[in-house]
Protein backbone atom coordinates (compact mmCIF):
# COMPACT_ATOMS: atom_id res chain seq x y z
CA UNK A 1 0.00 0.00 0.00
CA UNK A 2 1.36 3.43 -0.96
CA UNK A 3 2.14 6.11 1.61
CA UNK A 4 -0.66 8.36 0.32
CA UNK A 5 -3.22 5.56 0.47
CA UNK A 6 -2.16 4.68 4.03
CA UNK A 7 -2.47 8.37 4.91
CA UNK A 8 -5.96 8.55 3.40
CA UNK A 9 -7.21 5.40 5.07
CA UNK A 10 -5.51 5.89 8.41
CA UNK A 11 -3.93 2.44 8.25
CA UNK A 12 -0.36 1.69 9.27
CA UNK A 13 1.95 -0.34 7.04
CA UNK A 14 1.64 -3.35 9.36
CA UNK A 15 -2.14 -3.12 9.43
CA UNK A 16 -2.32 -2.98 5.63
CA UNK A 17 -1.35 -6.66 5.42
CA UNK A 18 -3.69 -7.78 8.21
CA UNK A 19 -7.17 -8.69 6.91
CA UNK A 20 -8.72 -8.64 10.39
CA UNK A 21 -7.30 -5.18 11.10
CA UNK A 22 -8.56 -3.95 7.74
CA UNK A 23 -12.00 -5.41 8.43
CA UNK A 24 -12.18 -3.85 11.89
CA UNK A 25 -11.15 -0.49 10.47
CA UNK A 26 -13.91 -0.83 7.91
CA UNK A 27 -16.39 -1.45 10.71
CA UNK A 28 -15.11 1.68 12.47
CA UNK A 29 -15.82 3.86 9.44
CA UNK A 30 -19.10 2.14 8.54
CA UNK A 31 -20.54 2.58 12.02
CA UNK A 32 -18.78 5.74 13.18
CA UNK A 33 -17.04 3.82 15.94
CA UNK A 34 -14.36 6.20 17.21
CA UNK A 35 -14.19 8.05 13.87
CA UNK A 36 -16.60 10.10 11.76
CA UNK A 37 -18.81 7.76 9.76
CA UNK A 38 -17.52 7.49 6.20
CA UNK A 39 -18.80 4.78 3.89
CA UNK A 40 -16.17 5.51 1.23
CA UNK A 41 -13.36 4.82 3.70
CA UNK A 42 -15.23 1.79 5.03
CA UNK A 43 -15.39 0.46 1.47
CA UNK A 44 -11.62 0.88 1.02
CA UNK A 45 -10.88 -1.16 4.14
CA UNK A 46 -13.50 -3.83 3.46
CA UNK A 47 -12.16 -4.23 -0.07
CA UNK A 48 -8.60 -4.64 1.19
CA UNK A 49 -9.72 -7.26 3.71
CA UNK A 50 -12.01 -9.01 1.23
CA UNK A 51 -9.23 -9.33 -1.34
CA UNK A 52 -7.21 -11.11 1.33
CA UNK A 53 -10.08 -13.57 1.83
CA UNK A 54 -11.68 -12.08 4.96
CA UNK A 55 -15.18 -13.50 4.72
CA UNK A 56 -17.13 -10.94 6.79
CA UNK A 57 -15.59 -8.15 4.71
CA UNK A 58 -16.73 -9.95 1.56
CA UNK A 59 -20.26 -10.14 2.93
CA UNK A 60 -20.21 -6.47 3.94
CA UNK A 61 -19.01 -5.47 0.47
CA UNK A 62 -22.05 -7.27 -0.90
CA UNK A 63 -24.26 -5.17 1.36
CA UNK A 64 -22.50 -1.95 0.35
CA UNK A 65 -22.85 -2.69 -3.37
CA UNK A 66 -26.48 -3.71 -2.83
CA UNK A 67 -27.36 -0.52 -0.94
CA UNK A 68 -25.06 1.87 -2.79
CA UNK A 69 -23.15 2.77 0.38
CA UNK A 70 -19.73 4.24 -0.34
CA UNK A 71 -19.87 2.89 -3.88
CA UNK A 72 -22.23 3.02 -6.85
CA UNK A 73 -25.07 0.53 -6.46
CA UNK A 74 -24.35 -2.62 -8.44
CA UNK A 75 -26.39 -5.76 -7.77
CA UNK A 76 -24.20 -7.96 -9.94
CA UNK A 77 -21.09 -7.05 -7.94
CA UNK A 78 -23.07 -7.45 -4.73
CA UNK A 79 -23.99 -10.98 -5.81
CA UNK A 80 -20.35 -11.75 -6.59
CA UNK A 81 -19.20 -10.73 -3.12
CA UNK A 82 -22.12 -12.48 -1.44
CA UNK A 83 -21.13 -15.67 -3.27
CA UNK A 84 -17.51 -15.42 -2.10
CA UNK A 85 -18.68 -15.02 1.50
CA UNK A 86 -21.41 -17.65 1.16
CA UNK A 87 -18.89 -20.21 -0.03
CA UNK A 88 -16.96 -19.50 3.18
CA UNK A 89 -20.06 -20.18 5.26
CA UNK A 90 -21.25 -16.67 6.15
CA UNK A 91 -24.94 -17.16 6.91
CA UNK A 92 -25.94 -13.53 6.22
CA UNK A 93 -24.34 -13.74 2.77
CA UNK A 94 -26.04 -17.08 2.07
CA UNK A 95 -29.36 -15.53 3.09
CA UNK A 96 -28.86 -12.45 0.89
CA UNK A 97 -27.73 -14.58 -2.04
CA UNK A 98 -30.86 -16.68 -1.64
CA UNK A 99 -32.98 -13.53 -1.84
CA UNK A 100 -31.06 -12.34 -4.91
CA UNK A 101 -31.79 -15.60 -6.75
CA UNK A 102 -35.47 -15.46 -5.77
CA UNK A 103 -35.90 -11.87 -6.97
CA UNK A 104 -33.52 -11.95 -9.98
CA UNK A 105 -31.41 -9.22 -8.41
CA UNK A 106 -27.91 -9.23 -9.91
CA UNK A 107 -28.36 -12.83 -11.07
CA UNK A 108 -30.85 -14.75 -13.21
CA UNK A 109 -33.89 -15.88 -11.26
CA UNK A 110 -33.34 -19.43 -10.04
CA UNK A 111 -35.49 -20.82 -7.25
CA UNK A 112 -33.37 -23.95 -6.90
CA UNK A 113 -30.34 -21.76 -6.15
CA UNK A 114 -32.44 -19.60 -3.86
CA UNK A 115 -33.45 -22.70 -1.91
CA UNK A 116 -29.86 -23.98 -1.84
CA UNK A 117 -28.42 -20.86 -0.26
CA UNK A 118 -31.41 -20.08 1.94
CA UNK A 119 -31.33 -23.63 3.28
CA UNK A 120 -27.58 -23.38 3.94
CA UNK A 121 -28.17 -20.28 6.07
CA UNK A 122 -31.28 -21.73 7.70
CA UNK A 123 -29.36 -24.79 8.86
CA UNK A 124 -26.97 -22.41 10.62
CA UNK A 125 -29.93 -20.94 12.51
CA UNK A 126 -30.54 -17.81 10.40
CA UNK A 127 -34.16 -16.84 11.12
CA UNK A 128 -34.65 -14.82 7.96
CA UNK A 129 -33.41 -17.70 5.85
CA UNK A 130 -35.74 -20.10 7.64
CA UNK A 131 -38.61 -17.81 6.70
CA UNK A 132 -37.43 -17.74 3.08
CA UNK A 133 -37.24 -21.55 2.93
CA UNK A 134 -40.73 -21.73 4.36
CA UNK A 135 -42.10 -19.30 1.78
CA UNK A 136 -40.50 -21.28 -1.04
CA UNK A 137 -42.21 -24.49 0.11
CA UNK A 138 -45.49 -22.75 0.95
CA UNK A 139 -45.83 -21.33 -2.54
CA UNK A 140 -44.12 -24.11 -4.48
CA UNK A 141 -41.49 -21.82 -5.94
CA UNK A 142 -39.36 -24.18 -8.01
CA UNK A 143 -40.30 -27.12 -5.78
CA UNK A 144 -43.39 -29.17 -5.03
CA UNK A 145 -45.65 -27.27 -2.67
CA UNK A 146 -45.23 -28.68 0.83
CA UNK A 147 -47.21 -26.99 3.61
CA UNK A 148 -45.77 -29.27 6.29
CA UNK A 149 -42.21 -28.29 5.35
CA UNK A 150 -43.27 -24.66 5.11
CA UNK A 151 -44.83 -24.81 8.57
CA UNK A 152 -41.67 -26.32 10.03
CA UNK A 153 -39.35 -23.56 8.82
CA UNK A 154 -41.71 -20.62 9.30
CA UNK A 155 -42.57 -21.80 12.81
CA UNK A 156 -38.89 -21.99 13.74
CA UNK A 157 -38.31 -18.46 12.46
CA UNK A 158 -41.41 -17.16 14.23
CA UNK A 159 -40.45 -18.77 17.51
CA UNK A 160 -37.03 -17.10 17.15
CA UNK A 161 -38.81 -13.74 17.05
CA UNK A 162 -38.53 -12.96 13.33
CA UNK A 163 -41.45 -10.57 12.62
CA UNK A 164 -42.04 -11.48 8.95
CA UNK A 165 -42.24 -15.16 9.89
CA UNK A 166 -44.63 -14.36 12.75
CA UNK A 167 -46.89 -12.59 10.27
CA UNK A 168 -46.67 -15.51 7.84
CA UNK A 169 -47.41 -18.01 10.58
CA UNK A 170 -50.43 -16.00 11.66
CA UNK A 171 -51.75 -16.13 8.11
CA UNK A 172 -51.13 -19.87 7.95
CA UNK A 173 -53.15 -20.44 11.12
CA UNK A 174 -55.92 -18.22 9.78
CA UNK A 175 -56.13 -20.06 6.44
CA UNK A 176 -55.37 -23.52 7.79
CA UNK A 177 -52.24 -24.02 5.70
CA UNK A 178 -50.76 -27.26 7.02
CA UNK A 179 -52.95 -27.29 10.12
CA UNK A 180 -56.52 -26.88 11.36
CA UNK A 181 -57.48 -23.18 11.20
CA UNK A 182 -57.07 -21.48 14.57
CA UNK A 183 -58.09 -17.82 14.79
CA UNK A 184 -56.85 -17.41 18.35
CA UNK A 185 -53.37 -18.64 17.45
CA UNK A 186 -53.48 -16.64 14.21
CA UNK A 187 -54.18 -13.44 16.13
CA UNK A 188 -51.38 -14.20 18.58
CA UNK A 189 -48.78 -14.31 15.81
CA UNK A 190 -50.18 -11.32 13.98
CA UNK A 191 -50.07 -9.27 17.20
CA UNK A 192 -46.47 -10.32 17.80
CA UNK A 193 -45.52 -9.20 14.29
CA UNK A 194 -47.61 -6.02 14.34
CA UNK A 195 -45.05 -3.59 15.85
CA UNK A 196 -42.65 -4.13 12.91
CA UNK A 197 -44.92 -5.38 10.12
CA UNK A 198 -47.66 -2.89 9.18
CA UNK A 199 -49.64 -5.49 7.23
CA UNK A 200 -49.78 -7.70 10.33
CA UNK A 201 -51.15 -4.80 12.39
CA UNK A 202 -53.88 -4.16 9.82
CA UNK A 203 -54.79 -7.84 9.58
CA UNK A 204 -54.84 -8.16 13.37
CA UNK A 205 -57.28 -5.27 13.66
CA UNK A 206 -59.58 -6.83 11.10
CA UNK A 207 -59.44 -10.18 12.86
CA UNK A 208 -60.14 -8.66 16.27
CA UNK A 209 -63.27 -7.01 14.85
CA UNK A 210 -64.56 -10.46 13.90
CA UNK A 211 -63.69 -12.29 17.15
CA UNK A 212 -65.42 -12.34 20.53
CA UNK A 213 -63.86 -10.83 23.65
CA UNK A 214 -62.83 -14.19 25.15
CA UNK A 215 -60.94 -15.20 22.01
CA UNK A 216 -59.10 -11.88 21.79
CA UNK A 217 -58.20 -12.06 25.49
CA UNK A 218 -56.78 -15.54 25.03
CA UNK A 219 -54.69 -14.39 22.07
CA UNK A 220 -53.31 -11.50 24.10
CA UNK A 221 -52.54 -13.86 26.99
CA UNK A 222 -50.55 -16.06 24.61
CA UNK A 223 -48.66 -13.00 23.34
CA UNK A 224 -47.73 -12.04 26.89
CA UNK A 225 -46.64 -15.60 27.64
CA UNK A 226 -44.46 -15.70 24.53
CA UNK A 227 -42.79 -12.42 25.43
CA UNK A 228 -42.16 -13.49 29.04
CA UNK A 229 -40.49 -16.73 27.96
CA UNK A 230 -38.08 -15.17 25.45
C-alpha atoms as a PDB file:
ATOM      1  CA  UNK A   1       0.000   0.000   0.000  1.00  0.00           C
ATOM      2  CA  UNK A   2       1.355   3.428  -0.959  1.00  0.00           C
ATOM      3  CA  UNK A   3       2.137   6.111   1.615  1.00  0.00           C
ATOM      4  CA  UNK A   4      -0.657   8.359   0.317  1.00  0.00           C
ATOM      5  CA  UNK A   5      -3.217   5.555   0.473  1.00  0.00           C
ATOM      6  CA  UNK A   6      -2.156   4.683   4.026  1.00  0.00           C
ATOM      7  CA  UNK A   7      -2.474   8.365   4.911  1.00  0.00           C
ATOM      8  CA  UNK A   8      -5.958   8.551   3.399  1.00  0.00           C
ATOM      9  CA  UNK A   9      -7.211   5.396   5.071  1.00  0.00           C
ATOM     10  CA  UNK A  10      -5.513   5.886   8.412  1.00  0.00           C
ATOM     11  CA  UNK A  11      -3.929   2.441   8.251  1.00  0.00           C
ATOM     12  CA  UNK A  12      -0.362   1.687   9.274  1.00  0.00           C
ATOM     13  CA  UNK A  13       1.955  -0.342   7.040  1.00  0.00           C
ATOM     14  CA  UNK A  14       1.638  -3.345   9.362  1.00  0.00           C
ATOM     15  CA  UNK A  15      -2.140  -3.116   9.432  1.00  0.00           C
ATOM     16  CA  UNK A  16      -2.325  -2.975   5.631  1.00  0.00           C
ATOM     17  CA  UNK A  17      -1.352  -6.656   5.422  1.00  0.00           C
ATOM     18  CA  UNK A  18      -3.688  -7.778   8.209  1.00  0.00           C
ATOM     19  CA  UNK A  19      -7.174  -8.694   6.911  1.00  0.00           C
ATOM     20  CA  UNK A  20      -8.721  -8.636  10.386  1.00  0.00           C
ATOM     21  CA  UNK A  21      -7.303  -5.176  11.098  1.00  0.00           C
ATOM     22  CA  UNK A  22      -8.565  -3.951   7.738  1.00  0.00           C
ATOM     23  CA  UNK A  23     -12.003  -5.412   8.429  1.00  0.00           C
ATOM     24  CA  UNK A  24     -12.179  -3.847  11.891  1.00  0.00           C
ATOM     25  CA  UNK A  25     -11.151  -0.486  10.470  1.00  0.00           C
ATOM     26  CA  UNK A  26     -13.914  -0.832   7.910  1.00  0.00           C
ATOM     27  CA  UNK A  27     -16.388  -1.451  10.707  1.00  0.00           C
ATOM     28  CA  UNK A  28     -15.107   1.680  12.466  1.00  0.00           C
ATOM     29  CA  UNK A  29     -15.821   3.863   9.442  1.00  0.00           C
ATOM     30  CA  UNK A  30     -19.096   2.137   8.535  1.00  0.00           C
ATOM     31  CA  UNK A  31     -20.536   2.576  12.022  1.00  0.00           C
ATOM     32  CA  UNK A  32     -18.782   5.741  13.175  1.00  0.00           C
ATOM     33  CA  UNK A  33     -17.036   3.816  15.942  1.00  0.00           C
ATOM     34  CA  UNK A  34     -14.359   6.201  17.212  1.00  0.00           C
ATOM     35  CA  UNK A  35     -14.186   8.049  13.869  1.00  0.00           C
ATOM     36  CA  UNK A  36     -16.604  10.100  11.757  1.00  0.00           C
ATOM     37  CA  UNK A  37     -18.815   7.758   9.760  1.00  0.00           C
ATOM     38  CA  UNK A  38     -17.516   7.488   6.202  1.00  0.00           C
ATOM     39  CA  UNK A  39     -18.800   4.780   3.891  1.00  0.00           C
ATOM     40  CA  UNK A  40     -16.172   5.512   1.230  1.00  0.00           C
ATOM     41  CA  UNK A  41     -13.359   4.819   3.699  1.00  0.00           C
ATOM     42  CA  UNK A  42     -15.231   1.789   5.026  1.00  0.00           C
ATOM     43  CA  UNK A  43     -15.394   0.456   1.473  1.00  0.00           C
ATOM     44  CA  UNK A  44     -11.616   0.882   1.016  1.00  0.00           C
ATOM     45  CA  UNK A  45     -10.881  -1.156   4.142  1.00  0.00           C
ATOM     46  CA  UNK A  46     -13.498  -3.826   3.459  1.00  0.00           C
ATOM     47  CA  UNK A  47     -12.162  -4.233  -0.070  1.00  0.00           C
ATOM     48  CA  UNK A  48      -8.600  -4.643   1.190  1.00  0.00           C
ATOM     49  CA  UNK A  49      -9.722  -7.263   3.709  1.00  0.00           C
ATOM     50  CA  UNK A  50     -12.013  -9.011   1.231  1.00  0.00           C
ATOM     51  CA  UNK A  51      -9.235  -9.329  -1.340  1.00  0.00           C
ATOM     52  CA  UNK A  52      -7.212 -11.115   1.333  1.00  0.00           C
ATOM     53  CA  UNK A  53     -10.083 -13.570   1.828  1.00  0.00           C
ATOM     54  CA  UNK A  54     -11.682 -12.075   4.962  1.00  0.00           C
ATOM     55  CA  UNK A  55     -15.184 -13.503   4.717  1.00  0.00           C
ATOM     56  CA  UNK A  56     -17.129 -10.944   6.786  1.00  0.00           C
ATOM     57  CA  UNK A  57     -15.592  -8.152   4.710  1.00  0.00           C
ATOM     58  CA  UNK A  58     -16.727  -9.946   1.557  1.00  0.00           C
ATOM     59  CA  UNK A  59     -20.259 -10.141   2.934  1.00  0.00           C
ATOM     60  CA  UNK A  60     -20.212  -6.467   3.937  1.00  0.00           C
ATOM     61  CA  UNK A  61     -19.008  -5.470   0.472  1.00  0.00           C
ATOM     62  CA  UNK A  62     -22.051  -7.269  -0.903  1.00  0.00           C
ATOM     63  CA  UNK A  63     -24.265  -5.172   1.361  1.00  0.00           C
ATOM     64  CA  UNK A  64     -22.504  -1.947   0.347  1.00  0.00           C
ATOM     65  CA  UNK A  65     -22.851  -2.685  -3.372  1.00  0.00           C
ATOM     66  CA  UNK A  66     -26.479  -3.714  -2.828  1.00  0.00           C
ATOM     67  CA  UNK A  67     -27.357  -0.517  -0.942  1.00  0.00           C
ATOM     68  CA  UNK A  68     -25.055   1.866  -2.792  1.00  0.00           C
ATOM     69  CA  UNK A  69     -23.153   2.767   0.379  1.00  0.00           C
ATOM     70  CA  UNK A  70     -19.734   4.239  -0.341  1.00  0.00           C
ATOM     71  CA  UNK A  71     -19.869   2.889  -3.877  1.00  0.00           C
ATOM     72  CA  UNK A  72     -22.227   3.017  -6.855  1.00  0.00           C
ATOM     73  CA  UNK A  73     -25.072   0.526  -6.463  1.00  0.00           C
ATOM     74  CA  UNK A  74     -24.348  -2.623  -8.436  1.00  0.00           C
ATOM     75  CA  UNK A  75     -26.390  -5.758  -7.767  1.00  0.00           C
ATOM     76  CA  UNK A  76     -24.195  -7.960  -9.943  1.00  0.00           C
ATOM     77  CA  UNK A  77     -21.091  -7.049  -7.943  1.00  0.00           C
ATOM     78  CA  UNK A  78     -23.071  -7.450  -4.728  1.00  0.00           C
ATOM     79  CA  UNK A  79     -23.990 -10.983  -5.807  1.00  0.00           C
ATOM     80  CA  UNK A  80     -20.345 -11.751  -6.595  1.00  0.00           C
ATOM     81  CA  UNK A  81     -19.200 -10.734  -3.116  1.00  0.00           C
ATOM     82  CA  UNK A  82     -22.121 -12.482  -1.437  1.00  0.00           C
ATOM     83  CA  UNK A  83     -21.129 -15.668  -3.272  1.00  0.00           C
ATOM     84  CA  UNK A  84     -17.513 -15.418  -2.100  1.00  0.00           C
ATOM     85  CA  UNK A  85     -18.678 -15.018   1.503  1.00  0.00           C
ATOM     86  CA  UNK A  86     -21.412 -17.652   1.158  1.00  0.00           C
ATOM     87  CA  UNK A  87     -18.886 -20.210  -0.031  1.00  0.00           C
ATOM     88  CA  UNK A  88     -16.956 -19.503   3.181  1.00  0.00           C
ATOM     89  CA  UNK A  89     -20.063 -20.181   5.262  1.00  0.00           C
ATOM     90  CA  UNK A  90     -21.254 -16.673   6.151  1.00  0.00           C
ATOM     91  CA  UNK A  91     -24.943 -17.157   6.906  1.00  0.00           C
ATOM     92  CA  UNK A  92     -25.938 -13.532   6.216  1.00  0.00           C
ATOM     93  CA  UNK A  93     -24.339 -13.743   2.768  1.00  0.00           C
ATOM     94  CA  UNK A  94     -26.039 -17.079   2.075  1.00  0.00           C
ATOM     95  CA  UNK A  95     -29.363 -15.531   3.086  1.00  0.00           C
ATOM     96  CA  UNK A  96     -28.856 -12.451   0.895  1.00  0.00           C
ATOM     97  CA  UNK A  97     -27.735 -14.575  -2.036  1.00  0.00           C
ATOM     98  CA  UNK A  98     -30.863 -16.678  -1.644  1.00  0.00           C
ATOM     99  CA  UNK A  99     -32.984 -13.532  -1.845  1.00  0.00           C
ATOM    100  CA  UNK A 100     -31.062 -12.337  -4.908  1.00  0.00           C
ATOM    101  CA  UNK A 101     -31.790 -15.597  -6.747  1.00  0.00           C
ATOM    102  CA  UNK A 102     -35.467 -15.461  -5.772  1.00  0.00           C
ATOM    103  CA  UNK A 103     -35.901 -11.873  -6.974  1.00  0.00           C
ATOM    104  CA  UNK A 104     -33.520 -11.952  -9.978  1.00  0.00           C
ATOM    105  CA  UNK A 105     -31.405  -9.224  -8.409  1.00  0.00           C
ATOM    106  CA  UNK A 106     -27.913  -9.227  -9.914  1.00  0.00           C
ATOM    107  CA  UNK A 107     -28.363 -12.833 -11.072  1.00  0.00           C
ATOM    108  CA  UNK A 108     -30.853 -14.749 -13.213  1.00  0.00           C
ATOM    109  CA  UNK A 109     -33.891 -15.885 -11.256  1.00  0.00           C
ATOM    110  CA  UNK A 110     -33.338 -19.427 -10.044  1.00  0.00           C
ATOM    111  CA  UNK A 111     -35.494 -20.817  -7.255  1.00  0.00           C
ATOM    112  CA  UNK A 112     -33.373 -23.948  -6.899  1.00  0.00           C
ATOM    113  CA  UNK A 113     -30.337 -21.760  -6.152  1.00  0.00           C
ATOM    114  CA  UNK A 114     -32.442 -19.604  -3.863  1.00  0.00           C
ATOM    115  CA  UNK A 115     -33.448 -22.697  -1.912  1.00  0.00           C
ATOM    116  CA  UNK A 116     -29.865 -23.982  -1.845  1.00  0.00           C
ATOM    117  CA  UNK A 117     -28.418 -20.856  -0.257  1.00  0.00           C
ATOM    118  CA  UNK A 118     -31.410 -20.080   1.939  1.00  0.00           C
ATOM    119  CA  UNK A 119     -31.333 -23.625   3.280  1.00  0.00           C
ATOM    120  CA  UNK A 120     -27.578 -23.378   3.940  1.00  0.00           C
ATOM    121  CA  UNK A 121     -28.165 -20.285   6.071  1.00  0.00           C
ATOM    122  CA  UNK A 122     -31.285 -21.731   7.705  1.00  0.00           C
ATOM    123  CA  UNK A 123     -29.357 -24.794   8.860  1.00  0.00           C
ATOM    124  CA  UNK A 124     -26.975 -22.411  10.616  1.00  0.00           C
ATOM    125  CA  UNK A 125     -29.927 -20.937  12.507  1.00  0.00           C
ATOM    126  CA  UNK A 126     -30.539 -17.810  10.399  1.00  0.00           C
ATOM    127  CA  UNK A 127     -34.157 -16.837  11.122  1.00  0.00           C
ATOM    128  CA  UNK A 128     -34.648 -14.816   7.956  1.00  0.00           C
ATOM    129  CA  UNK A 129     -33.407 -17.698   5.849  1.00  0.00           C
ATOM    130  CA  UNK A 130     -35.742 -20.098   7.639  1.00  0.00           C
ATOM    131  CA  UNK A 131     -38.614 -17.811   6.704  1.00  0.00           C
ATOM    132  CA  UNK A 132     -37.433 -17.743   3.078  1.00  0.00           C
ATOM    133  CA  UNK A 133     -37.238 -21.546   2.926  1.00  0.00           C
ATOM    134  CA  UNK A 134     -40.725 -21.730   4.364  1.00  0.00           C
ATOM    135  CA  UNK A 135     -42.102 -19.303   1.781  1.00  0.00           C
ATOM    136  CA  UNK A 136     -40.497 -21.284  -1.037  1.00  0.00           C
ATOM    137  CA  UNK A 137     -42.212 -24.491   0.107  1.00  0.00           C
ATOM    138  CA  UNK A 138     -45.494 -22.750   0.953  1.00  0.00           C
ATOM    139  CA  UNK A 139     -45.834 -21.334  -2.542  1.00  0.00           C
ATOM    140  CA  UNK A 140     -44.118 -24.109  -4.479  1.00  0.00           C
ATOM    141  CA  UNK A 141     -41.495 -21.815  -5.944  1.00  0.00           C
ATOM    142  CA  UNK A 142     -39.363 -24.183  -8.012  1.00  0.00           C
ATOM    143  CA  UNK A 143     -40.296 -27.118  -5.775  1.00  0.00           C
ATOM    144  CA  UNK A 144     -43.386 -29.167  -5.030  1.00  0.00           C
ATOM    145  CA  UNK A 145     -45.650 -27.270  -2.672  1.00  0.00           C
ATOM    146  CA  UNK A 146     -45.231 -28.681   0.832  1.00  0.00           C
ATOM    147  CA  UNK A 147     -47.207 -26.991   3.606  1.00  0.00           C
ATOM    148  CA  UNK A 148     -45.765 -29.274   6.290  1.00  0.00           C
ATOM    149  CA  UNK A 149     -42.213 -28.288   5.353  1.00  0.00           C
ATOM    150  CA  UNK A 150     -43.268 -24.658   5.111  1.00  0.00           C
ATOM    151  CA  UNK A 151     -44.828 -24.808   8.567  1.00  0.00           C
ATOM    152  CA  UNK A 152     -41.667 -26.316  10.033  1.00  0.00           C
ATOM    153  CA  UNK A 153     -39.354 -23.560   8.825  1.00  0.00           C
ATOM    154  CA  UNK A 154     -41.708 -20.620   9.296  1.00  0.00           C
ATOM    155  CA  UNK A 155     -42.572 -21.802  12.812  1.00  0.00           C
ATOM    156  CA  UNK A 156     -38.892 -21.992  13.744  1.00  0.00           C
ATOM    157  CA  UNK A 157     -38.310 -18.457  12.460  1.00  0.00           C
ATOM    158  CA  UNK A 158     -41.415 -17.156  14.227  1.00  0.00           C
ATOM    159  CA  UNK A 159     -40.448 -18.774  17.511  1.00  0.00           C
ATOM    160  CA  UNK A 160     -37.030 -17.104  17.150  1.00  0.00           C
ATOM    161  CA  UNK A 161     -38.808 -13.744  17.046  1.00  0.00           C
ATOM    162  CA  UNK A 162     -38.527 -12.964  13.330  1.00  0.00           C
ATOM    163  CA  UNK A 163     -41.452 -10.572  12.620  1.00  0.00           C
ATOM    164  CA  UNK A 164     -42.042 -11.476   8.954  1.00  0.00           C
ATOM    165  CA  UNK A 165     -42.244 -15.156   9.885  1.00  0.00           C
ATOM    166  CA  UNK A 166     -44.630 -14.356  12.747  1.00  0.00           C
ATOM    167  CA  UNK A 167     -46.885 -12.588  10.267  1.00  0.00           C
ATOM    168  CA  UNK A 168     -46.666 -15.506   7.837  1.00  0.00           C
ATOM    169  CA  UNK A 169     -47.405 -18.013  10.583  1.00  0.00           C
ATOM    170  CA  UNK A 170     -50.433 -16.001  11.658  1.00  0.00           C
ATOM    171  CA  UNK A 171     -51.749 -16.126   8.108  1.00  0.00           C
ATOM    172  CA  UNK A 172     -51.127 -19.867   7.947  1.00  0.00           C
ATOM    173  CA  UNK A 173     -53.149 -20.441  11.118  1.00  0.00           C
ATOM    174  CA  UNK A 174     -55.919 -18.218   9.782  1.00  0.00           C
ATOM    175  CA  UNK A 175     -56.129 -20.057   6.440  1.00  0.00           C
ATOM    176  CA  UNK A 176     -55.375 -23.515   7.787  1.00  0.00           C
ATOM    177  CA  UNK A 177     -52.238 -24.021   5.699  1.00  0.00           C
ATOM    178  CA  UNK A 178     -50.764 -27.262   7.017  1.00  0.00           C
ATOM    179  CA  UNK A 179     -52.953 -27.286  10.119  1.00  0.00           C
ATOM    180  CA  UNK A 180     -56.517 -26.880  11.362  1.00  0.00           C
ATOM    181  CA  UNK A 181     -57.484 -23.177  11.196  1.00  0.00           C
ATOM    182  CA  UNK A 182     -57.069 -21.478  14.572  1.00  0.00           C
ATOM    183  CA  UNK A 183     -58.094 -17.817  14.787  1.00  0.00           C
ATOM    184  CA  UNK A 184     -56.849 -17.412  18.350  1.00  0.00           C
ATOM    185  CA  UNK A 185     -53.370 -18.637  17.449  1.00  0.00           C
ATOM    186  CA  UNK A 186     -53.481 -16.640  14.212  1.00  0.00           C
ATOM    187  CA  UNK A 187     -54.176 -13.436  16.128  1.00  0.00           C
ATOM    188  CA  UNK A 188     -51.379 -14.200  18.581  1.00  0.00           C
ATOM    189  CA  UNK A 189     -48.777 -14.310  15.814  1.00  0.00           C
ATOM    190  CA  UNK A 190     -50.176 -11.316  13.980  1.00  0.00           C
ATOM    191  CA  UNK A 191     -50.066  -9.270  17.195  1.00  0.00           C
ATOM    192  CA  UNK A 192     -46.468 -10.318  17.797  1.00  0.00           C
ATOM    193  CA  UNK A 193     -45.517  -9.200  14.286  1.00  0.00           C
ATOM    194  CA  UNK A 194     -47.609  -6.022  14.337  1.00  0.00           C
ATOM    195  CA  UNK A 195     -45.047  -3.593  15.854  1.00  0.00           C
ATOM    196  CA  UNK A 196     -42.653  -4.131  12.912  1.00  0.00           C
ATOM    197  CA  UNK A 197     -44.922  -5.383  10.121  1.00  0.00           C
ATOM    198  CA  UNK A 198     -47.661  -2.887   9.183  1.00  0.00           C
ATOM    199  CA  UNK A 199     -49.644  -5.494   7.234  1.00  0.00           C
ATOM    200  CA  UNK A 200     -49.785  -7.701  10.325  1.00  0.00           C
ATOM    201  CA  UNK A 201     -51.148  -4.803  12.394  1.00  0.00           C
ATOM    202  CA  UNK A 202     -53.882  -4.163   9.824  1.00  0.00           C
ATOM    203  CA  UNK A 203     -54.794  -7.841   9.581  1.00  0.00           C
ATOM    204  CA  UNK A 204     -54.845  -8.160  13.366  1.00  0.00           C
ATOM    205  CA  UNK A 205     -57.285  -5.267  13.662  1.00  0.00           C
ATOM    206  CA  UNK A 206     -59.579  -6.827  11.095  1.00  0.00           C
ATOM    207  CA  UNK A 207     -59.436 -10.181  12.855  1.00  0.00           C
ATOM    208  CA  UNK A 208     -60.144  -8.657  16.266  1.00  0.00           C
ATOM    209  CA  UNK A 209     -63.273  -7.012  14.848  1.00  0.00           C
ATOM    210  CA  UNK A 210     -64.561 -10.464  13.897  1.00  0.00           C
ATOM    211  CA  UNK A 211     -63.694 -12.294  17.149  1.00  0.00           C
ATOM    212  CA  UNK A 212     -65.416 -12.341  20.530  1.00  0.00           C
ATOM    213  CA  UNK A 213     -63.858 -10.832  23.652  1.00  0.00           C
ATOM    214  CA  UNK A 214     -62.829 -14.188  25.146  1.00  0.00           C
ATOM    215  CA  UNK A 215     -60.940 -15.201  22.006  1.00  0.00           C
ATOM    216  CA  UNK A 216     -59.097 -11.876  21.792  1.00  0.00           C
ATOM    217  CA  UNK A 217     -58.204 -12.059  25.486  1.00  0.00           C
ATOM    218  CA  UNK A 218     -56.779 -15.544  25.032  1.00  0.00           C
ATOM    219  CA  UNK A 219     -54.692 -14.390  22.068  1.00  0.00           C
ATOM    220  CA  UNK A 220     -53.311 -11.498  24.102  1.00  0.00           C
ATOM    221  CA  UNK A 221     -52.542 -13.861  26.989  1.00  0.00           C
ATOM    222  CA  UNK A 222     -50.545 -16.056  24.615  1.00  0.00           C
ATOM    223  CA  UNK A 223     -48.665 -13.003  23.336  1.00  0.00           C
ATOM    224  CA  UNK A 224     -47.732 -12.041  26.891  1.00  0.00           C
ATOM    225  CA  UNK A 225     -46.644 -15.605  27.644  1.00  0.00           C
ATOM    226  CA  UNK A 226     -44.462 -15.701  24.525  1.00  0.00           C
ATOM    227  CA  UNK A 227     -42.795 -12.417  25.434  1.00  0.00           C
ATOM    228  CA  UNK A 228     -42.159 -13.488  29.043  1.00  0.00           C
ATOM    229  CA  UNK A 229     -40.493 -16.725  27.955  1.00  0.00           C
ATOM    230  CA  UNK A 230     -38.083 -15.170  25.451  1.00  0.00           C
END
